[in-house]
């Protein structure tokens, strides 16, 4: 398998690099051609005082700053030349400095500052989703069309149909400060000062901050993965090799988890390919509603302020993780099902 894996990996890495290059080039062109002047919006976002049209068009110092930002972003050069210069710096690990969100700070520092917050939230949401959804989906497949299965199906479809924005606002109105049952904090992920509190009290207060955001991030995925697991297991347990295993006297637990579930993993691995980008991209709505300073909030601020260096770094990061997730899923296909070989996936 190794002699086939290395050429396959090299081919996929080359294709992934070309795909990422096209994604970044398209993103750069769209950012450059979008209506408005990014250099002016950067000055406004940084708080330069007078924002009137007369001041922007007539103030010499403002025009000078405008030209400096344009030169700094290579916006005074043709599109392809500016993109080539950005790629050259990015390959050396230099994504530039923010010109609007946090003026003067390195883009890499901003991302590394926000990334742990989003990782904690999304890792908790993913663990909760898979730990609950997979056993529930397997159980539902083993007892199809029963009253319990139909009730669960109705509940999951209802859960999946709830809009995230509406759900988050309702939960805040009911379970946060000022609501009917003020159990959870309204915003943020920390309670501030921990003076006078024991270690367990600090942990308990911190955990309360995560409950509602994690629930909002996971409930739709929980419903979807449960149904996909059920569908995959139903397709497998009706096949001949499962009947043969049972006829040989293989314990039911081994039949389900060692034979059936392993073959049903293909559909779950396909869904897993989207986990990596979601881990770091965050949720703009959830982070905005709960006032969480994560990657989602950073992305929204960068896009609204036209912070070109930060936006391009976020696009590069997300694109790289998306392609990495797809490659990892392809490798896991082979580990889950030996009938799938790397030569067959070339």
Protein backbone atom coordinates (compact mmCIF):
# COMPACT_ATOMS: atom_id res chain seq x y z
CA UNK A 1 0.00 0.00 0.00
CA UNK A 2 2.94 2.32 0.72
CA UNK A 3 4.20 2.26 -2.86
CA UNK A 4 0.76 3.45 -4.01
CA UNK A 5 0.23 5.90 -1.17
CA UNK A 6 3.23 8.15 -1.83
CA UNK A 7 2.42 8.85 -5.53
CA UNK A 8 -1.23 9.36 -4.57
CA UNK A 9 -0.28 11.78 -1.79
CA UNK A 10 2.07 13.72 -4.07
CA UNK A 11 -0.62 13.99 -6.74
CA UNK A 12 -3.25 15.16 -4.26
CA UNK A 13 -0.90 17.70 -2.67
CA UNK A 14 -0.07 19.14 -6.09
CA UNK A 15 -3.75 19.32 -7.03
CA UNK A 16 -4.58 20.84 -3.64
CA UNK A 17 -1.90 23.52 -4.03
CA UNK A 18 -3.26 24.48 -7.46
CA UNK A 19 -6.82 24.55 -6.11
CA UNK A 20 -5.78 26.74 -3.18
CA UNK A 21 -3.96 29.07 -5.58
CA UNK A 22 -7.13 29.47 -7.67
CA UNK A 23 -9.21 30.09 -4.53
CA UNK A 24 -6.83 32.77 -3.29
CA UNK A 25 -6.52 34.42 -6.71
CA UNK A 26 -10.31 34.58 -7.06
CA UNK A 27 -10.67 35.96 -3.53
CA UNK A 28 -7.98 38.58 -4.13
CA UNK A 29 -9.55 39.73 -7.41
CA UNK A 30 -13.03 39.96 -5.84
CA UNK A 31 -11.67 41.96 -2.91
CA UNK A 32 -9.85 44.34 -5.24
CA UNK A 33 -12.81 44.78 -7.61
CA UNK A 34 -15.49 45.10 -4.92
CA UNK A 35 -17.24 48.51 -4.80
CA UNK A 36 -15.63 51.06 -2.52
CA UNK A 37 -12.08 51.99 -1.67
CA UNK A 38 -10.49 49.64 0.88
CA UNK A 39 -7.87 52.21 1.81
CA UNK A 40 -10.56 54.76 2.69
CA UNK A 41 -12.63 52.23 4.60
CA UNK A 42 -9.50 51.25 6.51
CA UNK A 43 -8.91 54.86 7.53
CA UNK A 44 -12.52 55.22 8.64
CA UNK A 45 -12.38 51.99 10.64
CA UNK A 46 -9.22 53.16 12.36
CA UNK A 47 -10.94 56.36 13.48
CA UNK A 48 -9.26 59.20 11.61
CA UNK A 49 -11.66 61.88 12.68
CA UNK A 50 -13.71 63.67 10.03
CA UNK A 51 -15.51 61.17 7.79
CA UNK A 52 -17.21 63.62 5.44
CA UNK A 53 -16.77 63.34 1.70
CA UNK A 54 -15.13 66.75 1.60
CA UNK A 55 -12.56 65.75 4.18
CA UNK A 56 -11.75 62.52 2.40
CA UNK A 57 -11.37 64.21 -0.97
CA UNK A 58 -9.68 67.40 0.10
CA UNK A 59 -7.56 66.81 3.17
CA UNK A 60 -3.97 66.37 2.05
CA UNK A 61 -2.92 64.33 5.07
CA UNK A 62 -5.85 61.96 4.49
CA UNK A 63 -4.94 61.61 0.82
CA UNK A 64 -1.37 60.97 1.84
CA UNK A 65 -2.41 58.25 4.24
CA UNK A 66 -4.63 56.86 1.51
CA UNK A 67 -1.70 56.53 -0.88
CA UNK A 68 0.49 55.00 1.82
CA UNK A 69 -2.11 52.31 2.53
CA UNK A 70 -2.57 51.66 -1.20
CA UNK A 71 1.18 51.18 -1.60
CA UNK A 72 1.35 49.04 1.52
CA UNK A 73 -1.40 46.77 0.16
CA UNK A 74 0.07 46.86 -3.39
CA UNK A 75 -3.23 48.28 -4.60
CA UNK A 76 -1.38 50.75 -6.81
CA UNK A 77 -0.14 47.80 -8.90
CA UNK A 78 -2.02 45.60 -11.41
CA UNK A 79 -4.13 42.77 -9.99
CA UNK A 80 -1.84 39.89 -10.93
CA UNK A 81 1.29 41.74 -9.80
CA UNK A 82 -0.31 42.59 -6.44
CA UNK A 83 -1.42 38.98 -5.98
CA UNK A 84 2.02 37.63 -6.86
CA UNK A 85 3.62 39.95 -4.29
CA UNK A 86 1.12 38.82 -1.64
CA UNK A 87 1.74 35.14 -2.41
CA UNK A 88 5.48 35.68 -2.18
CA UNK A 89 5.19 37.19 1.28
CA UNK A 90 2.66 34.54 2.41
CA UNK A 91 5.01 31.72 1.40
CA UNK A 92 7.61 33.26 3.70
CA UNK A 93 5.06 33.30 6.54
CA UNK A 94 4.42 37.05 6.32
CA UNK A 95 0.69 37.82 6.00
CA UNK A 96 1.20 41.51 6.65
CA UNK A 97 -0.33 43.78 9.27
CA UNK A 98 -3.92 44.71 9.86
CA UNK A 99 -4.95 48.08 8.41
CA UNK A 100 -8.40 48.32 10.00
CA UNK A 101 -9.44 45.72 12.59
CA UNK A 102 -6.44 46.30 14.86
CA UNK A 103 -4.27 48.78 13.01
CA UNK A 104 -0.60 47.95 12.95
CA UNK A 105 -0.82 44.48 14.50
CA UNK A 106 0.44 41.47 12.61
CA UNK A 107 -2.30 39.38 11.03
CA UNK A 108 -0.82 36.15 12.36
CA UNK A 109 -0.99 37.53 15.92
CA UNK A 110 -4.65 38.44 15.53
CA UNK A 111 -5.53 34.96 14.26
CA UNK A 112 -3.55 33.16 16.97
CA UNK A 113 -5.22 35.35 19.60
CA UNK A 114 -8.75 34.46 18.48
CA UNK A 115 -8.15 30.86 17.38
CA UNK A 116 -8.08 29.20 20.85
CA UNK A 117 -11.51 30.63 21.71
CA UNK A 118 -13.11 29.21 18.57
CA UNK A 119 -11.28 25.89 18.93
CA UNK A 120 -12.57 25.37 22.46
CA UNK A 121 -16.15 26.08 21.45
CA UNK A 122 -16.14 23.94 18.32
CA UNK A 123 -14.23 20.99 19.79
CA UNK A 124 -16.79 20.80 22.59
CA UNK A 125 -19.64 21.05 20.08
CA UNK A 126 -18.18 18.34 17.81
CA UNK A 127 -17.47 15.95 20.71
CA UNK A 128 -20.97 16.43 22.07
CA UNK A 129 -22.49 15.94 18.63
CA UNK A 130 -20.69 12.72 17.73
CA UNK A 131 -20.83 11.14 21.20
CA UNK A 132 -24.61 11.51 21.23
CA UNK A 133 -25.52 11.25 17.55
CA UNK A 134 -23.70 8.02 16.62
CA UNK A 135 -25.15 5.76 19.38
CA UNK A 136 -28.60 7.26 18.85
CA UNK A 137 -28.40 6.75 15.08
CA UNK A 138 -27.24 3.13 15.49
CA UNK A 139 -30.01 2.39 17.98
CA UNK A 140 -32.59 3.95 15.67
CA UNK A 141 -31.37 1.77 12.78
CA UNK A 142 -31.62 -1.39 14.87
CA UNK A 143 -35.27 -0.65 15.73
CA UNK A 144 -36.67 1.03 12.58
CA UNK A 145 -40.28 2.10 12.15
CA UNK A 146 -41.13 1.67 15.81
CA UNK A 147 -43.07 4.30 17.69
CA UNK A 148 -39.87 5.47 19.40
CA UNK A 149 -38.05 5.70 16.05
CA UNK A 150 -40.85 7.73 14.48
CA UNK A 151 -40.98 10.07 17.45
CA UNK A 152 -37.21 10.51 17.30
CA UNK A 153 -37.39 11.16 13.55
CA UNK A 154 -40.00 13.89 14.08
CA UNK A 155 -37.96 15.45 16.89
CA UNK A 156 -34.72 15.46 14.85
CA UNK A 157 -36.35 17.03 11.80
CA UNK A 158 -37.94 19.65 14.04
CA UNK A 159 -34.57 20.33 15.68
CA UNK A 160 -32.81 20.56 12.31
CA UNK A 161 -35.37 23.08 11.01
CA UNK A 162 -34.87 25.59 13.84
CA UNK A 163 -32.98 28.72 12.65
CA UNK A 164 -29.80 29.26 14.64
CA UNK A 165 -30.40 33.01 15.05
CA UNK A 166 -33.93 32.51 16.38
CA UNK A 167 -32.87 29.67 18.67
CA UNK A 168 -29.99 31.64 20.19
CA UNK A 169 -32.17 34.69 20.84
CA UNK A 170 -34.96 32.61 22.39
CA UNK A 171 -32.49 30.80 24.66
CA UNK A 172 -31.06 34.14 25.76
CA UNK A 173 -34.54 35.53 26.43
CA UNK A 174 -35.56 32.50 28.51
CA UNK A 175 -32.43 31.23 30.25
CA UNK A 176 -30.17 34.28 30.58
CA UNK A 177 -30.19 37.28 32.89
CA UNK A 178 -33.55 39.06 32.69
CA UNK A 179 -35.35 35.95 31.36
CA UNK A 180 -37.78 33.53 32.96
CA UNK A 181 -35.05 31.20 34.21
CA UNK A 182 -31.83 33.25 34.54
CA UNK A 183 -29.45 30.29 34.84
CA UNK A 184 -26.78 31.06 32.24
CA UNK A 185 -24.66 34.18 31.57
CA UNK A 186 -25.82 36.44 28.79
CA UNK A 187 -22.54 36.87 26.94
CA UNK A 188 -18.84 36.14 26.91
CA UNK A 189 -16.92 33.05 28.00
CA UNK A 190 -15.64 34.25 31.37
CA UNK A 191 -17.07 35.86 34.48
CA UNK A 192 -14.20 38.27 35.02
CA UNK A 193 -12.62 38.29 38.44
CA UNK A 194 -12.34 34.94 40.24
CA UNK A 195 -11.26 36.47 43.54
CA UNK A 196 -12.60 34.59 46.56
CA UNK A 197 -13.82 31.62 44.53
CA UNK A 198 -12.61 28.06 44.81
CA UNK A 199 -11.23 26.16 41.81
CA UNK A 200 -14.45 24.20 41.35
CA UNK A 201 -16.54 27.36 41.52
CA UNK A 202 -14.41 28.96 38.81
CA UNK A 203 -14.74 25.84 36.64
CA UNK A 204 -18.50 25.76 37.22
CA UNK A 205 -18.95 29.41 36.29
CA UNK A 206 -16.82 28.99 33.17
CA UNK A 207 -18.81 25.90 32.14
CA UNK A 208 -22.07 27.87 32.38
CA UNK A 209 -20.74 30.33 29.77
CA UNK A 210 -20.22 27.47 27.28
CA UNK A 211 -23.60 25.72 27.59
CA UNK A 212 -25.78 27.86 25.33
CA UNK A 213 -23.16 28.65 22.62
CA UNK A 214 -22.14 24.96 22.40
CA UNK A 215 -25.78 23.88 22.18
CA UNK A 216 -26.47 26.38 19.39
CA UNK A 217 -23.40 25.19 17.51
CA UNK A 218 -24.24 21.50 17.82
CA UNK A 219 -27.99 20.90 17.68
CA UNK A 220 -28.36 21.07 13.88
CA UNK A 221 -25.29 18.88 13.32
CA UNK A 222 -26.55 16.45 15.95
CA UNK A 223 -29.83 16.03 14.08
CA UNK A 224 -28.12 15.61 10.71
CA UNK A 225 -25.44 13.14 11.84
CA UNK A 226 -28.01 11.04 13.70
CA UNK A 227 -30.07 10.66 10.54
CA UNK A 228 -27.02 9.95 8.37
CA UNK A 229 -25.82 7.30 10.83
CA UNK A 230 -29.25 5.68 10.83
CA UNK A 231 -29.41 5.65 7.03
CA UNK A 232 -25.90 4.21 6.71
CA UNK A 233 -26.52 1.49 9.27
CA UNK A 234 -29.87 0.54 7.72
CA UNK A 235 -28.18 0.05 4.37
CA UNK A 236 -25.44 -2.15 5.86
CA UNK A 237 -27.37 -4.38 8.29
CA UNK A 238 -29.61 -5.60 5.47
CA UNK A 239 -26.69 -6.95 3.47
CA UNK A 240 -25.78 -10.62 3.16
CA UNK A 241 -22.49 -10.52 5.07
CA UNK A 242 -24.33 -9.31 8.19
CA UNK A 243 -26.77 -12.23 7.93
CA UNK A 244 -23.81 -14.56 7.46
CA UNK A 245 -22.05 -13.21 10.56
CA UNK A 246 -25.19 -13.71 12.63
CA UNK A 247 -25.67 -17.21 11.21
CA UNK A 248 -22.12 -18.10 12.32
CA UNK A 249 -23.01 -17.15 15.87
CA UNK A 250 -20.98 -13.93 16.07
CA UNK A 251 -22.10 -11.95 19.14
CA UNK A 252 -24.60 -9.24 18.28
CA UNK A 253 -22.36 -6.52 19.74
CA UNK A 254 -19.53 -7.54 17.38
CA UNK A 255 -21.92 -7.78 14.43
CA UNK A 256 -23.11 -4.23 15.00
CA UNK A 257 -19.90 -2.44 15.93
CA UNK A 258 -17.14 -4.46 14.23
CA UNK A 259 -18.90 -5.37 10.99
CA UNK A 260 -21.90 -3.12 10.32
CA UNK A 261 -20.71 0.14 11.85
CA UNK A 262 -17.28 -0.05 10.20
CA UNK A 263 -18.91 -0.27 6.78
CA UNK A 264 -21.33 2.54 7.66
CA UNK A 265 -18.38 4.79 8.54
CA UNK A 266 -18.00 5.91 4.91
CA UNK A 267 -20.82 8.41 5.12
CA UNK A 268 -19.59 9.71 8.49
CA UNK A 269 -16.08 10.16 7.12
CA UNK A 270 -17.52 12.21 4.27
CA UNK A 271 -19.19 14.48 6.82
CA UNK A 272 -15.95 14.59 8.81
CA UNK A 273 -14.23 16.29 5.86
CA UNK A 274 -16.04 19.50 6.76
CA UNK A 275 -15.01 19.50 10.41
CA UNK A 276 -11.53 21.02 10.07
CA UNK A 277 -12.62 24.29 8.42
CA UNK A 278 -15.55 24.63 10.82
CA UNK A 279 -13.16 24.21 13.76
CA UNK A 280 -11.38 27.45 12.97
CA UNK A 281 -13.90 29.45 10.97
CA UNK A 282 -16.27 29.67 13.91
CA UNK A 283 -19.86 30.82 13.71
CA UNK A 284 -20.38 34.48 12.93
CA UNK A 285 -23.94 34.48 14.26
CA UNK A 286 -23.24 32.61 17.51
CA UNK A 287 -20.12 34.60 18.33
CA UNK A 288 -21.90 37.86 17.55
CA UNK A 289 -25.01 37.05 19.62
CA UNK A 290 -23.07 35.80 22.64
CA UNK A 291 -20.32 38.42 22.27
CA UNK A 292 -17.54 35.85 21.92
CA UNK A 293 -14.22 37.20 20.55
CA UNK A 294 -13.48 34.29 18.22
CA UNK A 295 -12.63 33.68 14.58
CA UNK A 296 -16.21 34.20 13.39
CA UNK A 297 -16.36 37.68 14.91
CA UNK A 298 -12.90 38.44 13.52
CA UNK A 299 -13.95 37.34 10.02
CA UNK A 300 -17.06 39.51 10.08
CA UNK A 301 -15.12 42.55 11.25
CA UNK A 302 -12.39 41.99 8.65
CA UNK A 303 -14.89 41.70 5.79
CA UNK A 304 -16.96 44.71 6.86
CA UNK A 305 -13.86 46.90 7.22
CA UNK A 306 -12.23 45.60 4.00
CA UNK A 307 -9.04 44.67 5.88
CA UNK A 308 -7.37 43.07 2.85
CA UNK A 309 -4.34 41.44 4.58
CA UNK A 310 -6.51 39.90 7.29
CA UNK A 311 -9.22 38.74 4.87
CA UNK A 312 -6.68 37.07 2.58
CA UNK A 313 -5.04 35.32 5.53
CA UNK A 314 -8.42 34.02 6.68
CA UNK A 315 -9.24 32.81 3.15
CA UNK A 316 -5.87 31.05 2.95
CA UNK A 317 -6.34 29.43 6.34
CA UNK A 318 -9.89 28.25 5.61
CA UNK A 319 -9.03 27.01 2.12
CA UNK A 320 -6.03 25.07 3.38
CA UNK A 321 -8.06 23.40 6.11
CA UNK A 322 -10.90 22.55 3.71
CA UNK A 323 -8.53 20.83 1.30
CA UNK A 324 -6.76 19.10 4.21
CA UNK A 325 -10.10 17.80 5.45
CA UNK A 326 -10.92 16.34 2.03
CA UNK A 327 -7.50 14.67 1.78
CA UNK A 328 -7.80 13.26 5.31
CA UNK A 329 -11.26 11.89 4.48
CA UNK A 330 -9.88 10.13 1.40
CA UNK A 331 -7.17 8.47 3.49
CA UNK A 332 -9.69 7.43 6.15
CA UNK A 333 -11.83 5.79 3.44
CA UNK A 334 -9.02 3.29 2.84
CA UNK A 335 -8.55 2.61 6.56
CA UNK A 336 -12.29 2.09 7.08
CA UNK A 337 -12.82 -0.12 4.00
CA UNK A 338 -9.85 -2.16 2.70
CA UNK A 339 -11.69 -2.66 -0.60
CA UNK A 340 -10.94 1.00 -1.38
CA UNK A 341 -7.39 1.37 -2.58
CA UNK A 342 -5.29 4.43 -3.33
CA UNK A 343 -4.84 3.33 -6.93
CA UNK A 344 -8.60 3.31 -7.36
CA UNK A 345 -8.80 6.89 -6.11
CA UNK A 346 -6.22 8.34 -8.51
